[in-house]
Amino acid sequence: MQVFNVQGMTCGHCVKAVTAAVQAQDPTAEVKVDLAARQVSVKSPLAAQQILESIREEGYPAEVA
């Protein structure tokens, strides 16, 4: 499980957008979003950099936690 700090997420739409961005790269990825902690946990064979780029392309600043 990889964990990322993601800024700017405030609602269910944000959760869906981040989840869809990651799953566009790996449809089988397990994505869990904690809005309060501003963290996204991803279970996937994707490299952390690929996941970060996907999240950033959706407009959310992200970094490895």
PDB file of N, CA and C in Angstrom:
ATOM      1  N   MET A   1       0.846  -1.179   0.000  1.00  0.00           N
ATOM      2  CA  MET A   1       0.000   0.000   0.000  1.00  0.00           C
ATOM      3  C   MET A   1       0.890   1.241   0.000  1.00  0.00           C
ATOM      4  N   GLN A   2       0.633   2.121  -0.945  1.00  0.00           N
ATOM      5  CA  GLN A   2       1.369   3.380  -1.030  1.00  0.00           C
ATOM      6  C   GLN A   2       0.457   4.493  -0.524  1.00  0.00           C
ATOM      7  N   VAL A   3       1.018   5.438   0.215  1.00  0.00           N
ATOM      8  CA  VAL A   3       0.224   6.524   0.782  1.00  0.00           C
ATOM      9  C   VAL A   3       0.747   7.861   0.261  1.00  0.00           C
ATOM     10  N   PHE A   4      -0.206   8.720  -0.112  1.00  0.00           N
ATOM     11  CA  PHE A   4       0.133  10.023  -0.673  1.00  0.00           C
ATOM     12  C   PHE A   4      -0.623  11.117   0.064  1.00  0.00           C
ATOM     13  N   ASN A   5       0.041  12.245   0.279  1.00  0.00           N
ATOM     14  CA  ASN A   5      -0.610  13.439   0.812  1.00  0.00           C
ATOM     15  C   ASN A   5      -1.127  14.212  -0.392  1.00  0.00           C
ATOM     16  N   VAL A   6      -2.423  14.499  -0.382  1.00  0.00           N
ATOM     17  CA  VAL A   6      -3.048  15.183  -1.513  1.00  0.00           C
ATOM     18  C   VAL A   6      -3.816  16.389  -0.989  1.00  0.00           C
ATOM     19  N   GLN A   7      -3.466  17.565  -1.474  1.00  0.00           N
ATOM     20  CA  GLN A   7      -4.107  18.805  -1.045  1.00  0.00           C
ATOM     21  C   GLN A   7      -5.284  19.139  -1.963  1.00  0.00           C
ATOM     22  N   GLY A   8      -6.237  19.871  -1.424  1.00  0.00           N
ATOM     23  CA  GLY A   8      -7.330  20.394  -2.242  1.00  0.00           C
ATOM     24  C   GLY A   8      -8.557  19.508  -2.346  1.00  0.00           C
ATOM     25  N   MET A   9      -8.548  18.341  -1.729  1.00  0.00           N
ATOM     26  CA  MET A   9      -9.726  17.470  -1.780  1.00  0.00           C
ATOM     27  C   MET A   9     -10.706  17.922  -0.697  1.00  0.00           C
ATOM     28  N   THR A  10     -11.965  18.162  -1.099  1.00  0.00           N
ATOM     29  CA  THR A  10     -12.937  18.665  -0.129  1.00  0.00           C
ATOM     30  C   THR A  10     -14.267  17.928  -0.139  1.00  0.00           C
ATOM     31  N   CYS A  11     -14.528  17.103  -1.160  1.00  0.00           N
ATOM     32  CA  CYS A  11     -15.864  16.524  -1.264  1.00  0.00           C
ATOM     33  C   CYS A  11     -15.834  15.180  -1.996  1.00  0.00           C
ATOM     34  N   GLY A  12     -17.008  14.612  -2.137  1.00  0.00           N
ATOM     35  CA  GLY A  12     -17.145  13.336  -2.823  1.00  0.00           C
ATOM     36  C   GLY A  12     -16.696  13.396  -4.275  1.00  0.00           C
ATOM     37  N   HIS A  13     -16.922  14.531  -4.920  1.00  0.00           N
ATOM     38  CA  HIS A  13     -16.462  14.671  -6.302  1.00  0.00           C
ATOM     39  C   HIS A  13     -14.939  14.558  -6.384  1.00  0.00           C
ATOM     40  N   CYS A  14     -14.255  15.155  -5.424  1.00  0.00           N
ATOM     41  CA  CYS A  14     -12.790  15.078  -5.385  1.00  0.00           C
ATOM     42  C   CYS A  14     -12.348  13.620  -5.228  1.00  0.00           C
ATOM     43  N   VAL A  15     -13.029  12.897  -4.360  1.00  0.00           N
ATOM     44  CA  VAL A  15     -12.710  11.485  -4.136  1.00  0.00           C
ATOM     45  C   VAL A  15     -12.862  10.707  -5.438  1.00  0.00           C
ATOM     46  N   LYS A  16     -13.968  10.948  -6.140  1.00  0.00           N
ATOM     47  CA  LYS A  16     -14.218  10.243  -7.405  1.00  0.00           C
ATOM     48  C   LYS A  16     -13.169  10.599  -8.457  1.00  0.00           C
ATOM     49  N   ALA A  17     -12.805  11.877  -8.518  1.00  0.00           N
ATOM     50  CA  ALA A  17     -11.831  12.326  -9.510  1.00  0.00           C
ATOM     51  C   ALA A  17     -10.464  11.695  -9.276  1.00  0.00           C
ATOM     52  N   VAL A  18     -10.024  11.673  -8.022  1.00  0.00           N
ATOM     53  CA  VAL A  18      -8.721  11.090  -7.704  1.00  0.00           C
ATOM     54  C   VAL A  18      -8.747   9.579  -7.940  1.00  0.00           C
ATOM     55  N   THR A  19      -9.814   8.932  -7.517  1.00  0.00           N
ATOM     56  CA  THR A  19      -9.940   7.487  -7.710  1.00  0.00           C
ATOM     57  C   THR A  19      -9.929   7.143  -9.195  1.00  0.00           C
ATOM     58  N   ALA A  20     -10.696   7.880  -9.990  1.00  0.00           N
ATOM     59  CA  ALA A  20     -10.762   7.628 -11.430  1.00  0.00           C
ATOM     60  C   ALA A  20      -9.414   7.862 -12.102  1.00  0.00           C
ATOM     61  N   ALA A  21      -8.687   8.876 -11.649  1.00  0.00           N
ATOM     62  CA  ALA A  21      -7.382   9.179 -12.238  1.00  0.00           C
ATOM     63  C   ALA A  21      -6.414   8.017 -12.034  1.00  0.00           C
ATOM     64  N   VAL A  22      -6.397   7.460 -10.833  1.00  0.00           N
ATOM     65  CA  VAL A  22      -5.504   6.338 -10.548  1.00  0.00           C
ATOM     66  C   VAL A  22      -5.966   5.094 -11.306  1.00  0.00           C
ATOM     67  N   GLN A  23      -7.270   4.839 -11.285  1.00  0.00           N
ATOM     68  CA  GLN A  23      -7.787   3.636 -11.929  1.00  0.00           C
ATOM     69  C   GLN A  23      -7.739   3.706 -13.454  1.00  0.00           C
ATOM     70  N   ALA A  24      -7.546   4.887 -14.006  1.00  0.00           N
ATOM     71  CA  ALA A  24      -7.339   5.009 -15.452  1.00  0.00           C
ATOM     72  C   ALA A  24      -5.999   4.384 -15.829  1.00  0.00           C
ATOM     73  N   GLN A  25      -5.036   4.442 -14.902  1.00  0.00           N
ATOM     74  CA  GLN A  25      -3.719   3.852 -15.127  1.00  0.00           C
ATOM     75  C   GLN A  25      -3.711   2.356 -14.776  1.00  0.00           C
ATOM     76  N   ASP A  26      -4.465   1.987 -13.741  1.00  0.00           N
ATOM     77  CA  ASP A  26      -4.552   0.592 -13.287  1.00  0.00           C
ATOM     78  C   ASP A  26      -5.989   0.339 -12.830  1.00  0.00           C
ATOM     79  N   PRO A  27      -6.825  -0.219 -13.710  1.00  0.00           N
ATOM     80  CA  PRO A  27      -8.233  -0.439 -13.377  1.00  0.00           C
ATOM     81  C   PRO A  27      -8.459  -1.321 -12.145  1.00  0.00           C
ATOM     82  N   THR A  28      -7.478  -2.106 -11.754  1.00  0.00           N
ATOM     83  CA  THR A  28      -7.638  -2.983 -10.592  1.00  0.00           C
ATOM     84  C   THR A  28      -7.105  -2.357  -9.302  1.00  0.00           C
ATOM     85  N   ALA A  29      -6.612  -1.135  -9.382  1.00  0.00           N
ATOM     86  CA  ALA A  29      -6.048  -0.467  -8.194  1.00  0.00           C
ATOM     87  C   ALA A  29      -7.120  -0.281  -7.121  1.00  0.00           C
ATOM     88  N   GLU A  30      -6.728  -0.516  -5.871  1.00  0.00           N
ATOM     89  CA  GLU A  30      -7.589  -0.227  -4.727  1.00  0.00           C
ATOM     90  C   GLU A  30      -7.203   1.161  -4.234  1.00  0.00           C
ATOM     91  N   VAL A  31      -8.167   2.060  -4.227  1.00  0.00           N
ATOM     92  CA  VAL A  31      -7.911   3.445  -3.834  1.00  0.00           C
ATOM     93  C   VAL A  31      -8.797   3.787  -2.651  1.00  0.00           C
ATOM     94  N   LYS A  32      -8.180   4.267  -1.574  1.00  0.00           N
ATOM     95  CA  LYS A  32      -8.922   4.694  -0.393  1.00  0.00           C
ATOM     96  C   LYS A  32      -8.543   6.136  -0.108  1.00  0.00           C
ATOM     97  N   VAL A  33      -9.552   6.985   0.017  1.00  0.00           N
ATOM     98  CA  VAL A  33      -9.321   8.411   0.248  1.00  0.00           C
ATOM     99  C   VAL A  33      -9.815   8.799   1.634  1.00  0.00           C
ATOM    100  N   ASP A  34      -8.964   9.472   2.385  1.00  0.00           N
ATOM    101  CA  ASP A  34      -9.321  10.009   3.695  1.00  0.00           C
ATOM    102  C   ASP A  34      -9.304  11.531   3.561  1.00  0.00           C
ATOM    103  N   LEU A  35     -10.506  12.106   3.361  1.00  0.00           N
ATOM    104  CA  LEU A  35     -10.585  13.556   3.159  1.00  0.00           C
ATOM    105  C   LEU A  35     -10.047  14.333   4.351  1.00  0.00           C
ATOM    106  N   ALA A  36     -10.386  13.914   5.554  1.00  0.00           N
ATOM    107  CA  ALA A  36      -9.963  14.641   6.754  1.00  0.00           C
ATOM    108  C   ALA A  36      -8.447  14.683   6.886  1.00  0.00           C
ATOM    109  N   ALA A  37      -7.800  13.571   6.575  1.00  0.00           N
ATOM    110  CA  ALA A  37      -6.338  13.496   6.691  1.00  0.00           C
ATOM    111  C   ALA A  37      -5.641  13.965   5.418  1.00  0.00           C
ATOM    112  N   ARG A  38      -6.431  14.206   4.364  1.00  0.00           N
ATOM    113  CA  ARG A  38      -5.881  14.576   3.048  1.00  0.00           C
ATOM    114  C   ARG A  38      -4.889  13.531   2.548  1.00  0.00           C
ATOM    115  N   GLN A  39      -5.286  12.268   2.710  1.00  0.00           N
ATOM    116  CA  GLN A  39      -4.414  11.182   2.265  1.00  0.00           C
ATOM    117  C   GLN A  39      -5.147  10.238   1.329  1.00  0.00           C
ATOM    118  N   VAL A  40      -4.382   9.727   0.381  1.00  0.00           N
ATOM    119  CA  VAL A  40      -4.882   8.728  -0.556  1.00  0.00           C
ATOM    120  C   VAL A  40      -3.982   7.512  -0.439  1.00  0.00           C
ATOM    121  N   SER A  41      -4.592   6.361  -0.183  1.00  0.00           N
ATOM    122  CA  SER A  41      -3.849   5.095  -0.106  1.00  0.00           C
ATOM    123  C   SER A  41      -4.162   4.302  -1.366  1.00  0.00           C
ATOM    124  N   VAL A  42      -3.119   3.773  -1.991  1.00  0.00           N
ATOM    125  CA  VAL A  42      -3.293   3.054  -3.244  1.00  0.00           C
ATOM    126  C   VAL A  42      -2.592   1.707  -3.166  1.00  0.00           C
ATOM    127  N   LYS A  43      -3.331   0.652  -3.495  1.00  0.00           N
ATOM    128  CA  LYS A  43      -2.744  -0.681  -3.609  1.00  0.00           C
ATOM    129  C   LYS A  43      -2.716  -1.010  -5.088  1.00  0.00           C
ATOM    130  N   SER A  44      -1.504  -0.985  -5.654  1.00  0.00           N
ATOM    131  CA  SER A  44      -1.329  -1.163  -7.091  1.00  0.00           C
ATOM    132  C   SER A  44       0.152  -1.420  -7.392  1.00  0.00           C
ATOM    133  N   PRO A  45       0.420  -2.143  -8.471  1.00  0.00           N
ATOM    134  CA  PRO A  45       1.819  -2.322  -8.867  1.00  0.00           C
ATOM    135  C   PRO A  45       2.420  -1.084  -9.547  1.00  0.00           C
ATOM    136  N   LEU A  46       1.614  -0.045  -9.761  1.00  0.00           N
ATOM    137  CA  LEU A  46       2.124   1.174 -10.385  1.00  0.00           C
ATOM    138  C   LEU A  46       3.214   1.807  -9.525  1.00  0.00           C
ATOM    139  N   ALA A  47       4.155   2.441 -10.189  1.00  0.00           N
ATOM    140  CA  ALA A  47       5.197   3.182  -9.473  1.00  0.00           C
ATOM    141  C   ALA A  47       4.577   4.420  -8.839  1.00  0.00           C
ATOM    142  N   ALA A  48       5.131   4.833  -7.709  1.00  0.00           N
ATOM    143  CA  ALA A  48       4.621   6.010  -7.009  1.00  0.00           C
ATOM    144  C   ALA A  48       4.575   7.227  -7.933  1.00  0.00           C
ATOM    145  N   GLN A  49       5.578   7.390  -8.763  1.00  0.00           N
ATOM    146  CA  GLN A  49       5.624   8.545  -9.661  1.00  0.00           C
ATOM    147  C   GLN A  49       4.449   8.539 -10.639  1.00  0.00           C
ATOM    148  N   GLN A  50       4.065   7.360 -11.130  1.00  0.00           N
ATOM    149  CA  GLN A  50       2.921   7.269 -12.038  1.00  0.00           C
ATOM    150  C   GLN A  50       1.639   7.691 -11.334  1.00  0.00           C
ATOM    151  N   ILE A  51       1.482   7.257 -10.098  1.00  0.00           N
ATOM    152  CA  ILE A  51       0.289   7.605  -9.335  1.00  0.00           C
ATOM    153  C   ILE A  51       0.263   9.107  -9.061  1.00  0.00           C
ATOM    154  N   LEU A  52       1.402   9.664  -8.652  1.00  0.00           N
ATOM    155  CA  LEU A  52       1.490  11.101  -8.404  1.00  0.00           C
ATOM    156  C   LEU A  52       1.121  11.900  -9.646  1.00  0.00           C
ATOM    157  N   GLU A  53       1.634  11.509 -10.786  1.00  0.00           N
ATOM    158  CA  GLU A  53       1.352  12.226 -12.028  1.00  0.00           C
ATOM    159  C   GLU A  53      -0.136  12.175 -12.353  1.00  0.00           C
ATOM    160  N   SER A  54      -0.768  11.027 -12.131  1.00  0.00           N
ATOM    161  CA  SER A  54      -2.203  10.893 -12.405  1.00  0.00           C
ATOM    162  C   SER A  54      -3.011  11.836 -11.526  1.00  0.00           C
ATOM    163  N   ILE A  55      -2.670  11.885 -10.248  1.00  0.00           N
ATOM    164  CA  ILE A  55      -3.384  12.756  -9.308  1.00  0.00           C
ATOM    165  C   ILE A  55      -3.137  14.231  -9.648  1.00  0.00           C
ATOM    166  N   ARG A  56      -1.904  14.559  -9.956  1.00  0.00           N
ATOM    167  CA  ARG A  56      -1.560  15.954 -10.290  1.00  0.00           C
ATOM    168  C   ARG A  56      -2.252  16.409 -11.566  1.00  0.00           C
ATOM    169  N   GLU A  57      -2.413  15.503 -12.528  1.00  0.00           N
ATOM    170  CA  GLU A  57      -3.099  15.859 -13.778  1.00  0.00           C
ATOM    171  C   GLU A  57      -4.553  16.236 -13.524  1.00  0.00           C
ATOM    172  N   GLU A  58      -5.123  15.740 -12.435  1.00  0.00           N
ATOM    173  CA  GLU A  58      -6.500  16.105 -12.063  1.00  0.00           C
ATOM    174  C   GLU A  58      -6.537  17.455 -11.349  1.00  0.00           C
ATOM    175  N   GLY A  59      -5.367  18.019 -11.072  1.00  0.00           N
ATOM    176  CA  GLY A  59      -5.305  19.339 -10.462  1.00  0.00           C
ATOM    177  C   GLY A  59      -5.077  19.355  -8.964  1.00  0.00           C
ATOM    178  N   TYR A  60      -4.697  18.218  -8.400  1.00  0.00           N
ATOM    179  CA  TYR A  60      -4.464  18.146  -6.961  1.00  0.00           C
ATOM    180  C   TYR A  60      -2.969  18.023  -6.664  1.00  0.00           C
ATOM    181  N   PRO A  61      -2.406  18.958  -5.896  1.00  0.00           N
ATOM    182  CA  PRO A  61      -1.003  18.838  -5.499  1.00  0.00           C
ATOM    183  C   PRO A  61      -0.838  17.566  -4.645  1.00  0.00           C
ATOM    184  N   ALA A  62       0.136  16.751  -4.995  1.00  0.00           N
ATOM    185  CA  ALA A  62       0.318  15.483  -4.279  1.00  0.00           C
ATOM    186  C   ALA A  62       1.790  15.188  -4.089  1.00  0.00           C
ATOM    187  N   GLU A  63       2.070  14.465  -2.983  1.00  0.00           N
ATOM    188  CA  GLU A  63       3.432  14.021  -2.702  1.00  0.00           C
ATOM    189  C   GLU A  63       3.349  12.725  -1.918  1.00  0.00           C
ATOM    190  N   VAL A  64       4.443  11.975  -1.918  1.00  0.00           N
ATOM    191  CA  VAL A  64       4.491  10.729  -1.158  1.00  0.00           C
ATOM    192  C   VAL A  64       4.457  11.068   0.323  1.00  0.00           C
ATOM    193  N   ALA A  65       3.620  10.363   1.063  1.00  0.00           N
ATOM    194  CA  ALA A  65       3.488  10.622   2.508  1.00  0.00           C
ATOM    195  C   ALA A  65       4.665  10.046   3.259  1.00  0.00           C
TER     196      ALA A  65
END
